Amino acid sequence: MLSSDEYLNSIELLQNRFRIDYKVDEITLVFFREYGSAPVVLVRPDGSKIYPRDDDSGDEIQWYDDTTYDLVRIKQPMPGPWQAVGQLLPGSKVMVVSDIRLQTEPLPELVFSGELLKLTATLTNGGEPIEYVEFGNAVELSVEFISTNNPDFTNFGAETELVARYEDNGMGMDEYPMDGIFTGQFNLNIPEGQWKPLYRTTTAMFTREEEGEPLVLLPNPVQVSVDQDQGNGRHNLIIDVDREMVDIESLLVNGKIRYPNGDVLSFSVTEGSDEARVQEILNIEYGVFRIKMTAYGKTVGGRDFILDVPEFSFLSEPPVPQQPEAGADEGITNVDLEARASAELTAMSQGAQEMDPEAGISDSNLWLIIMLANLVLVIGGGVLIWYFMFAKTKLANPMTKLPSLFSKKKKAAKAADSVAGS
């Protein structure tokens, strides 16, 4: 006999028959059948039948059929023996769904933003554990974080975040499939702040929601910085933690470095120490370096954790050439250049006497000396030519001027005689 007062979770079918008590006003039944088989047909005590299509006939019947089960809700069911006709699983049981709840493992008191959590849960029906594990295929179990909109926290006004789904399929973090233990993988890669968890159990016909106590999601405790290349061709990536929350000696790191040219290098830091971890990065190219890491360790309370560390990046730039100061340039212009010019003029005037030929001379001084030498040669040669052609010839024949002197004297005497006779 099935009654709403007893909240029986699973009753074996006797030749696919079951009985409903006259005190039941509404009942929800689940029938599990062969994969891909047709939905079952229900036969009332009076022989009349209920088909899935009768779902459209009114509010008295609601029917949802999936590939492996049928979920049927009946209002004011006829008391007496009922029968389910279909390809039901061997040893199949009928479930009377009363008050489905998700009993979850509590969240830790110390939880970080970016953390990956593994928590388990079980389903209960009317306060009793559900023994029929196939029922897990008929429900969806999820957890959402809702901001409390507390202005004292940074997640004020943040949107609702879906952080986990509970599964019993042996995949992900779930250990064994269909063992009745549901495993939730919480991805808390959301802003830190105060959140309120909302546990939701959803079937094709109804949804159950239950709110948990508010919790504070703490900032990611991993602290990353970099000491850039100081001339040795390497950057030093420094990885530390908030020592008040995390046991530094337990810290392990896996990560990837993306170089400016697109190359990716994986690295691991596995040695325990009470000092910050240091990872060398070759400075093979200037540009933006990006580092993505996952951290493993223990809180100061001894709880193991896995953390997704936010991406860290830094810009490596070539060194800037040193420029002389403005004051030094002006001093050179006003004082040193004048002294330098005076020294050069002095050297040019004394170059011919003091210069050592083996030491070499500048091009400008060499051309000046050549031009002066050529000028002296031209002037001296001209004087010598004039002397030998003109002056020396006249000095060698002085009598050539006497006839002209005697003729001038005769002309003068004749002129005097003519004046006296008149």
Protein backbone atom coordinates (compact mmCIF):
# COMPACT_ATOMS: atom_id res chain seq x y z
CA MET A 1 0.00 0.00 0.00
CA LEU A 2 1.26 3.49 -0.87
CA SER A 3 0.14 6.42 1.20
CA SER A 4 1.19 10.02 1.56
CA ASP A 5 1.53 9.54 5.30
CA GLU A 6 4.16 6.80 5.02
CA TYR A 7 6.33 8.54 2.38
CA LEU A 8 7.62 5.24 1.07
CA ASN A 9 10.55 5.77 -1.30
CA SER A 10 10.50 2.59 -3.31
CA ILE A 11 8.05 -0.27 -3.43
CA GLU A 12 8.58 -3.40 -5.46
CA LEU A 13 6.02 -3.99 -8.15
CA LEU A 14 4.13 -7.24 -7.83
CA GLN A 15 3.53 -8.27 -11.41
CA ASN A 16 3.70 -4.57 -12.26
CA ARG A 17 0.89 -3.85 -9.76
CA PHE A 18 0.80 -1.40 -6.84
CA ARG A 19 -1.92 -0.07 -4.56
CA ILE A 20 -2.88 3.53 -3.69
CA ASP A 21 -4.57 4.28 -0.37
CA TYR A 22 -7.87 6.10 -0.22
CA LYS A 23 -6.32 8.86 1.95
CA VAL A 24 -4.01 10.05 -0.83
CA ASP A 25 -5.11 13.32 -2.45
CA GLU A 26 -2.18 13.65 -4.83
CA ILE A 27 0.65 11.33 -5.81
CA THR A 28 3.77 11.60 -7.97
CA LEU A 29 5.13 8.34 -9.36
CA VAL A 30 8.38 7.49 -11.14
CA PHE A 31 8.67 4.38 -13.35
CA PHE A 32 12.07 3.30 -14.69
CA ARG A 33 12.13 1.32 -17.94
CA GLU A 34 14.45 0.03 -20.64
CA TYR A 35 16.46 2.69 -22.45
CA GLY A 36 14.58 4.05 -25.45
CA SER A 37 11.42 2.01 -24.80
CA ALA A 38 7.92 3.46 -25.12
CA PRO A 39 6.31 5.16 -22.10
CA VAL A 40 4.31 3.00 -19.75
CA VAL A 41 0.52 2.88 -19.67
CA LEU A 42 -1.27 3.07 -16.31
CA VAL A 43 -4.40 1.03 -15.65
CA ARG A 44 -6.82 2.24 -12.97
CA PRO A 45 -8.59 -0.17 -10.63
CA ASP A 46 -11.74 0.09 -12.78
CA GLY A 47 -9.80 -0.92 -15.91
CA SER A 48 -9.62 2.53 -17.52
CA LYS A 49 -6.23 3.55 -18.86
CA ILE A 50 -4.03 6.64 -18.59
CA TYR A 51 -1.71 7.47 -21.51
CA PRO A 52 0.97 10.13 -21.78
CA ARG A 53 -1.31 12.06 -24.14
CA ASP A 54 -3.83 12.44 -21.32
CA ASP A 55 -1.51 15.08 -19.92
CA ASP A 56 -3.40 17.55 -22.12
CA SER A 57 -6.84 16.61 -20.82
CA GLY A 58 -6.71 18.76 -17.67
CA ASP A 59 -4.93 19.44 -14.40
CA GLU A 60 -5.61 16.03 -12.91
CA ILE A 61 -2.73 14.33 -14.75
CA GLN A 62 0.81 15.54 -15.52
CA TRP A 63 3.12 13.24 -17.44
CA TYR A 64 6.78 13.59 -18.39
CA ASP A 65 8.54 10.81 -20.28
CA ASP A 66 12.27 10.57 -20.87
CA THR A 67 14.42 7.92 -22.54
CA THR A 68 14.67 5.89 -19.31
CA TYR A 69 11.78 6.87 -17.05
CA ASP A 70 8.25 8.25 -16.74
CA LEU A 71 7.33 10.87 -14.16
CA VAL A 72 3.57 11.00 -13.50
CA ARG A 73 1.61 13.21 -11.15
CA ILE A 74 -2.02 12.33 -10.44
CA LYS A 75 -4.52 14.37 -8.43
CA GLN A 76 -7.34 12.58 -6.60
CA PRO A 77 -6.14 9.12 -7.72
CA MET A 78 -8.65 6.29 -7.61
CA PRO A 79 -7.99 4.12 -4.51
CA GLY A 80 -7.22 0.48 -5.10
CA PRO A 81 -4.81 -1.68 -7.16
CA TRP A 82 -3.14 -0.01 -10.14
CA GLN A 83 -1.05 -1.58 -12.90
CA ALA A 84 1.86 -0.25 -14.99
CA VAL A 85 2.19 -1.77 -18.45
CA GLY A 86 5.52 -1.32 -20.23
CA GLN A 87 9.14 -2.51 -20.47
CA LEU A 88 10.03 -1.81 -16.85
CA LEU A 89 13.49 -2.66 -15.61
CA PRO A 90 13.88 -6.05 -13.88
CA GLY A 91 13.32 -5.65 -10.16
CA SER A 92 11.88 -2.23 -10.85
CA LYS A 93 10.26 -0.28 -8.06
CA VAL A 94 7.74 2.51 -8.11
CA MET A 95 8.68 5.69 -6.25
CA VAL A 96 6.18 7.93 -4.53
CA VAL A 97 7.76 11.39 -4.66
CA SER A 98 6.87 13.44 -1.63
CA ASP A 99 9.51 15.94 -0.43
CA ILE A 100 12.74 15.72 -2.42
CA ARG A 101 15.71 17.41 -0.73
CA LEU A 102 19.43 17.64 -1.34
CA GLN A 103 21.50 16.88 1.75
CA THR A 104 24.88 18.49 1.10
CA GLU A 105 28.27 18.45 2.75
CA PRO A 106 28.75 21.89 4.38
CA LEU A 107 31.01 24.47 2.80
CA PRO A 108 34.31 25.17 4.60
CA GLU A 109 34.51 28.22 6.83
CA LEU A 110 37.65 29.46 5.03
CA VAL A 111 36.97 29.64 1.28
CA PHE A 112 38.98 31.57 -1.34
CA SER A 113 38.05 33.23 -4.59
CA GLY A 114 39.37 31.04 -7.42
CA GLU A 115 39.20 27.84 -5.39
CA LEU A 116 38.07 24.47 -6.78
CA LEU A 117 36.08 22.51 -4.19
CA LYS A 118 34.87 18.92 -4.08
CA LEU A 119 31.73 18.40 -1.99
CA THR A 120 29.32 15.46 -1.87
CA ALA A 121 25.56 15.22 -1.35
CA THR A 122 22.72 12.71 -1.16
CA LEU A 123 19.03 12.90 -2.06
CA THR A 124 16.26 12.30 0.44
CA ASN A 125 12.55 11.77 -0.11
CA GLY A 126 10.37 12.64 2.86
CA GLY A 127 13.46 12.78 5.06
CA GLU A 128 14.63 9.28 4.10
CA PRO A 129 17.56 8.48 1.78
CA ILE A 130 16.49 7.51 -1.73
CA GLU A 131 17.46 3.89 -2.22
CA TYR A 132 16.70 3.75 -5.93
CA VAL A 133 19.82 5.27 -7.48
CA GLU A 134 18.25 5.50 -10.94
CA PHE A 135 16.27 8.43 -9.61
CA GLY A 136 19.40 10.51 -10.00
CA ASN A 137 18.74 10.51 -13.75
CA ALA A 138 15.38 12.21 -13.15
CA VAL A 139 16.71 15.22 -11.24
CA GLU A 140 19.17 18.06 -11.77
CA LEU A 141 21.09 19.26 -8.73
CA SER A 142 22.83 22.63 -8.84
CA VAL A 143 24.24 25.31 -6.55
CA GLU A 144 24.12 29.04 -7.18
CA PHE A 145 25.78 31.85 -5.25
CA ILE A 146 23.64 34.96 -4.78
CA SER A 147 25.19 38.24 -3.69
CA THR A 148 23.92 39.51 -0.35
CA ASN A 149 24.36 43.05 -1.74
CA ASN A 150 26.21 44.06 1.36
CA PRO A 151 27.87 47.43 0.56
CA ASP A 152 30.81 46.50 2.78
CA PHE A 153 31.94 43.86 0.26
CA THR A 154 33.27 44.14 -3.29
CA ASN A 155 30.57 41.86 -4.78
CA PHE A 156 27.83 44.39 -4.04
CA GLY A 157 25.39 44.29 -6.96
CA ALA A 158 27.06 41.25 -8.55
CA GLU A 159 24.99 38.85 -10.66
CA THR A 160 24.01 35.37 -9.50
CA GLU A 161 26.73 32.81 -10.26
CA LEU A 162 26.23 29.10 -11.05
CA VAL A 163 29.14 27.50 -9.19
CA ALA A 164 28.44 23.73 -9.20
CA ARG A 165 26.35 20.82 -10.46
CA TYR A 166 26.09 17.57 -8.52
CA GLU A 167 26.61 14.43 -10.61
CA ASP A 168 26.54 10.68 -9.95
CA ASN A 169 28.02 9.49 -13.24
CA GLY A 170 31.59 8.58 -12.30
CA MET A 171 32.99 11.54 -14.26
CA GLY A 172 34.90 14.61 -13.14
CA MET A 173 35.41 14.47 -9.39
CA ASP A 174 32.67 11.85 -8.86
CA GLU A 175 34.30 8.60 -7.75
CA TYR A 176 31.73 5.90 -8.59
CA PRO A 177 28.76 6.06 -10.97
CA MET A 178 25.24 5.32 -9.73
CA ASP A 179 26.25 4.81 -6.09
CA GLY A 180 23.74 7.30 -4.71
CA ILE A 181 26.50 9.78 -3.74
CA PHE A 182 26.42 12.95 -5.82
CA THR A 183 29.64 14.94 -6.22
CA GLY A 184 29.75 18.66 -6.83
CA GLN A 185 32.77 20.40 -8.35
CA PHE A 186 32.57 23.99 -7.12
CA ASN A 187 34.29 26.49 -9.40
CA LEU A 188 34.63 29.60 -7.25
CA ASN A 189 36.35 31.69 -9.89
CA ILE A 190 34.07 34.59 -8.97
CA PRO A 191 34.66 37.91 -7.16
CA GLU A 192 35.39 37.79 -3.45
CA GLY A 193 32.71 39.05 -1.10
CA GLN A 194 29.66 37.89 0.81
CA TRP A 195 27.48 35.30 -0.95
CA LYS A 196 24.45 33.19 -0.08
CA PRO A 197 24.34 29.62 -1.51
CA LEU A 198 21.11 28.44 -3.12
CA TYR A 199 20.66 24.66 -3.56
CA ARG A 200 18.22 23.76 -6.33
CA THR A 201 16.66 20.35 -7.09
CA THR A 202 14.86 20.33 -10.43
CA THR A 203 12.66 17.71 -12.06
CA ALA A 204 10.44 17.93 -15.11
CA MET A 205 7.46 18.75 -12.88
CA PHE A 206 8.77 20.68 -9.89
CA THR A 207 11.70 22.54 -8.43
CA ARG A 208 12.85 22.58 -4.82
CA GLU A 209 15.08 25.39 -3.56
CA GLU A 210 16.87 25.74 -0.26
CA GLU A 211 19.07 28.61 0.88
CA GLY A 212 22.21 28.13 2.92
CA GLU A 213 23.86 30.43 5.43
CA PRO A 214 25.77 33.41 3.98
CA LEU A 215 29.51 32.95 3.64
CA VAL A 216 32.43 35.25 2.89
CA LEU A 217 34.57 34.38 -0.12
CA LEU A 218 38.08 35.59 0.72
CA PRO A 219 40.50 37.13 -1.81
CA ASN A 220 42.84 34.78 -3.64
CA PRO A 221 45.76 34.29 -1.20
CA VAL A 222 48.46 33.74 -3.85
CA GLN A 223 50.57 36.86 -4.45
CA VAL A 224 52.64 37.16 -7.64
CA SER A 225 55.31 39.72 -8.54
CA VAL A 226 58.35 39.91 -10.81
CA ASP A 227 61.93 41.20 -10.61
CA GLN A 228 62.79 42.07 -14.18
CA ASP A 229 66.06 41.37 -15.97
CA GLN A 230 68.96 43.37 -14.52
CA GLY A 231 71.42 42.39 -17.21
CA ASN A 232 71.74 38.65 -16.64
CA GLY A 233 69.10 37.72 -19.27
CA ARG A 234 66.53 36.41 -16.77
CA HIS A 235 63.40 37.62 -15.01
CA ASN A 236 62.55 36.27 -11.54
CA LEU A 237 58.89 35.39 -10.97
CA ILE A 238 58.16 35.55 -7.22
CA ILE A 239 55.23 33.50 -5.85
CA ASP A 240 54.13 34.09 -2.28
CA VAL A 241 50.95 33.62 -0.19
CA ASP A 242 49.07 35.27 2.64
CA ARG A 243 50.87 33.59 5.53
CA GLU A 244 47.95 34.20 7.93
CA MET A 245 45.72 31.92 5.85
CA VAL A 246 47.99 29.52 3.97
CA ASP A 247 50.79 27.23 5.11
CA ILE A 248 53.65 28.41 2.88
CA GLU A 249 55.61 25.16 3.26
CA SER A 250 52.76 23.19 1.64
CA LEU A 251 52.61 25.37 -1.49
CA LEU A 252 53.00 23.65 -4.89
CA VAL A 253 52.61 25.40 -8.24
CA ASN A 254 51.94 24.29 -11.81
CA GLY A 255 51.96 26.94 -14.50
CA LYS A 256 52.52 28.04 -18.07
CA ILE A 257 54.50 31.00 -19.39
CA ARG A 258 53.46 32.60 -22.67
CA TYR A 259 56.35 34.54 -24.20
CA PRO A 260 55.91 37.69 -26.35
CA ASN A 261 56.54 35.64 -29.52
CA GLY A 262 53.72 33.18 -28.65
CA ASP A 263 55.86 30.32 -27.34
CA VAL A 264 54.46 28.52 -24.27
CA LEU A 265 56.61 26.92 -21.58
CA SER A 266 55.23 24.79 -18.73
CA PHE A 267 56.86 24.85 -15.30
CA SER A 268 56.36 23.35 -11.84
CA VAL A 269 57.53 24.39 -8.38
CA THR A 270 57.39 21.38 -6.05
CA GLU A 271 60.03 21.98 -3.37
CA GLY A 272 58.64 22.91 0.03
CA SER A 273 60.10 25.89 1.83
CA ASP A 274 59.19 28.67 4.23
CA GLU A 275 60.37 31.21 1.63
CA ALA A 276 58.58 32.61 -1.40
CA ARG A 277 58.95 30.49 -4.52
CA VAL A 278 61.12 31.86 -7.35
CA GLN A 279 60.80 30.80 -10.98
CA GLU A 280 63.33 32.04 -13.56
CA ILE A 281 62.03 33.25 -16.94
CA LEU A 282 64.46 33.68 -19.84
CA ASN A 283 64.36 37.18 -21.31
CA ILE A 284 64.59 36.02 -24.91
CA GLU A 285 62.44 38.81 -26.33
CA TYR A 286 60.99 42.14 -25.28
CA GLY A 287 57.21 42.45 -24.92
CA VAL A 288 54.38 41.15 -22.73
CA PHE A 289 54.87 37.95 -20.71
CA ARG A 290 51.73 36.15 -19.44
CA ILE A 291 51.73 33.55 -16.63
CA LYS A 292 48.78 31.28 -15.70
CA MET A 293 49.10 29.08 -12.61
CA THR A 294 47.28 26.55 -10.43
CA ALA A 295 48.33 26.43 -6.78
CA TYR A 296 48.01 23.51 -4.36
CA GLY A 297 48.47 23.64 -0.62
CA LYS A 298 46.90 23.66 2.82
CA THR A 299 45.24 26.34 4.87
CA VAL A 300 46.61 27.15 8.30
CA GLY A 301 43.84 24.89 9.60
CA GLY A 302 45.12 21.92 7.59
CA ARG A 303 42.46 21.80 4.83
CA ASP A 304 43.78 20.94 1.35
CA PHE A 305 42.87 23.31 -1.43
CA ILE A 306 43.25 23.81 -5.18
CA LEU A 307 43.39 27.38 -6.46
CA ASP A 308 43.09 28.87 -9.90
CA VAL A 309 45.43 31.88 -9.76
CA PRO A 310 44.41 34.92 -11.85
CA GLU A 311 46.60 35.50 -14.89
CA PHE A 312 49.69 37.59 -14.18
CA SER A 313 51.41 39.63 -16.91
CA PHE A 314 54.27 42.09 -17.17
CA LEU A 315 55.97 44.14 -19.90
CA SER A 316 59.66 43.69 -20.65
CA GLU A 317 61.16 46.71 -22.42
CA PRO A 318 64.63 47.30 -23.90
CA PRO A 319 66.94 49.52 -21.79
CA VAL A 320 66.75 53.26 -22.54
CA PRO A 321 70.13 54.83 -23.65
CA GLN A 322 71.44 57.32 -21.08
CA GLN A 323 71.35 60.95 -22.25
CA PRO A 324 73.78 63.66 -20.95
CA GLU A 325 72.27 66.27 -18.68
CA ALA A 326 71.23 69.63 -20.14
CA GLY A 327 73.57 71.59 -17.84
CA ALA A 328 76.57 69.61 -18.98
CA ASP A 329 75.78 70.32 -22.66
CA GLU A 330 75.61 74.07 -22.03
CA GLY A 331 78.94 74.04 -20.19
CA ILE A 332 80.63 72.30 -23.07
CA THR A 333 79.15 74.80 -25.58
CA ASN A 334 80.12 77.97 -23.74
CA VAL A 335 83.50 77.14 -22.22
CA ASP A 336 85.08 74.00 -23.60
CA LEU A 337 84.50 74.89 -27.26
CA GLU A 338 86.24 78.27 -26.89
CA ALA A 339 89.27 76.67 -25.27
CA ARG A 340 89.30 73.97 -27.89
CA ALA A 341 89.25 76.54 -30.74
CA SER A 342 92.08 78.57 -29.19
CA ALA A 343 94.18 75.46 -28.80
CA GLU A 344 93.63 74.49 -32.42
CA LEU A 345 94.68 77.93 -33.70
CA THR A 346 97.86 77.81 -31.62
CA ALA A 347 98.65 74.35 -32.93
CA MET A 348 98.18 75.52 -36.53
CA SER A 349 100.59 78.46 -36.09
CA GLN A 350 103.25 76.30 -34.51
CA GLY A 351 102.63 73.18 -36.55
CA ALA A 352 105.40 73.72 -39.06
CA GLN A 353 108.08 74.00 -36.37
CA GLU A 354 106.85 71.64 -33.64
CA MET A 355 105.12 68.84 -35.53
CA ASP A 356 106.80 65.52 -35.58
CA PRO A 357 106.43 64.00 -39.05
CA GLU A 358 106.30 60.51 -37.64
CA ALA A 359 103.33 61.43 -35.40
CA GLY A 360 101.22 62.48 -38.39
CA ILE A 361 99.28 65.74 -39.06
CA SER A 362 95.63 66.51 -39.71
CA ASP A 363 94.24 66.85 -43.24
CA SER A 364 93.39 70.55 -42.87
CA ASN A 365 96.89 71.49 -41.68
CA LEU A 366 98.47 69.39 -44.43
CA TRP A 367 96.52 71.18 -47.17
CA LEU A 368 97.40 74.58 -45.70
CA ILE A 369 101.10 73.76 -45.71
CA ILE A 370 100.94 72.51 -49.31
CA MET A 371 99.15 75.69 -50.50
CA LEU A 372 101.67 77.97 -48.79
CA ALA A 373 104.60 76.02 -50.26
CA ASN A 374 103.15 76.24 -53.77
CA LEU A 375 102.55 79.97 -53.39
CA VAL A 376 106.18 80.53 -52.34
CA LEU A 377 107.44 78.51 -55.27
CA VAL A 378 105.31 80.43 -57.78
CA ILE A 379 106.37 83.85 -56.51
CA GLY A 380 110.04 82.87 -56.23
CA GLY A 381 110.06 81.32 -59.70
CA GLY A 382 108.49 84.44 -61.23
CA VAL A 383 111.10 86.70 -59.67
CA LEU A 384 113.96 84.52 -60.93
CA ILE A 385 112.55 84.39 -64.44
CA TRP A 386 112.18 88.23 -64.61
CA TYR A 387 115.70 88.69 -63.27
CA PHE A 388 117.35 86.43 -65.81
CA MET A 389 115.38 87.71 -68.81
CA PHE A 390 115.42 91.45 -68.26
CA ALA A 391 117.56 92.79 -65.49
CA LYS A 392 120.67 90.73 -66.14
CA THR A 393 120.73 91.51 -69.91
CA LYS A 394 120.67 95.28 -69.38
CA LEU A 395 123.36 95.19 -66.76
CA ALA A 396 125.61 93.14 -69.03
CA ASN A 397 125.47 95.77 -72.03
CA PRO A 398 125.58 99.35 -70.52
CA MET A 399 126.96 101.05 -73.79
CA THR A 400 123.73 100.46 -75.59
CA LYS A 401 122.33 103.61 -73.92
CA LEU A 402 125.23 106.05 -75.02
CA PRO A 403 124.08 106.92 -78.64
CA SER A 404 120.80 108.08 -77.37
CA LEU A 405 122.48 110.38 -74.84
CA PHE A 406 124.78 112.04 -77.49
CA SER A 407 121.90 112.63 -79.86
CA LYS A 408 119.90 114.32 -77.13
CA LYS A 409 122.89 116.67 -76.40
CA LYS A 410 123.30 117.65 -80.10
CA LYS A 411 119.67 118.53 -80.37
CA ALA A 412 119.92 120.71 -77.34
CA ALA A 413 123.02 122.64 -78.72
CA LYS A 414 121.32 123.35 -82.02
CA ALA A 415 118.35 124.74 -80.30
CA ALA A 416 120.52 127.11 -78.29
CA ASP A 417 122.35 128.43 -81.39
CA SER A 418 119.16 129.19 -83.19
CA VAL A 419 117.90 131.26 -80.29
CA ALA A 420 121.19 133.32 -80.12
CA GLY A 421 121.29 134.20 -83.86
CA SER A 422 117.84 135.59 -83.80
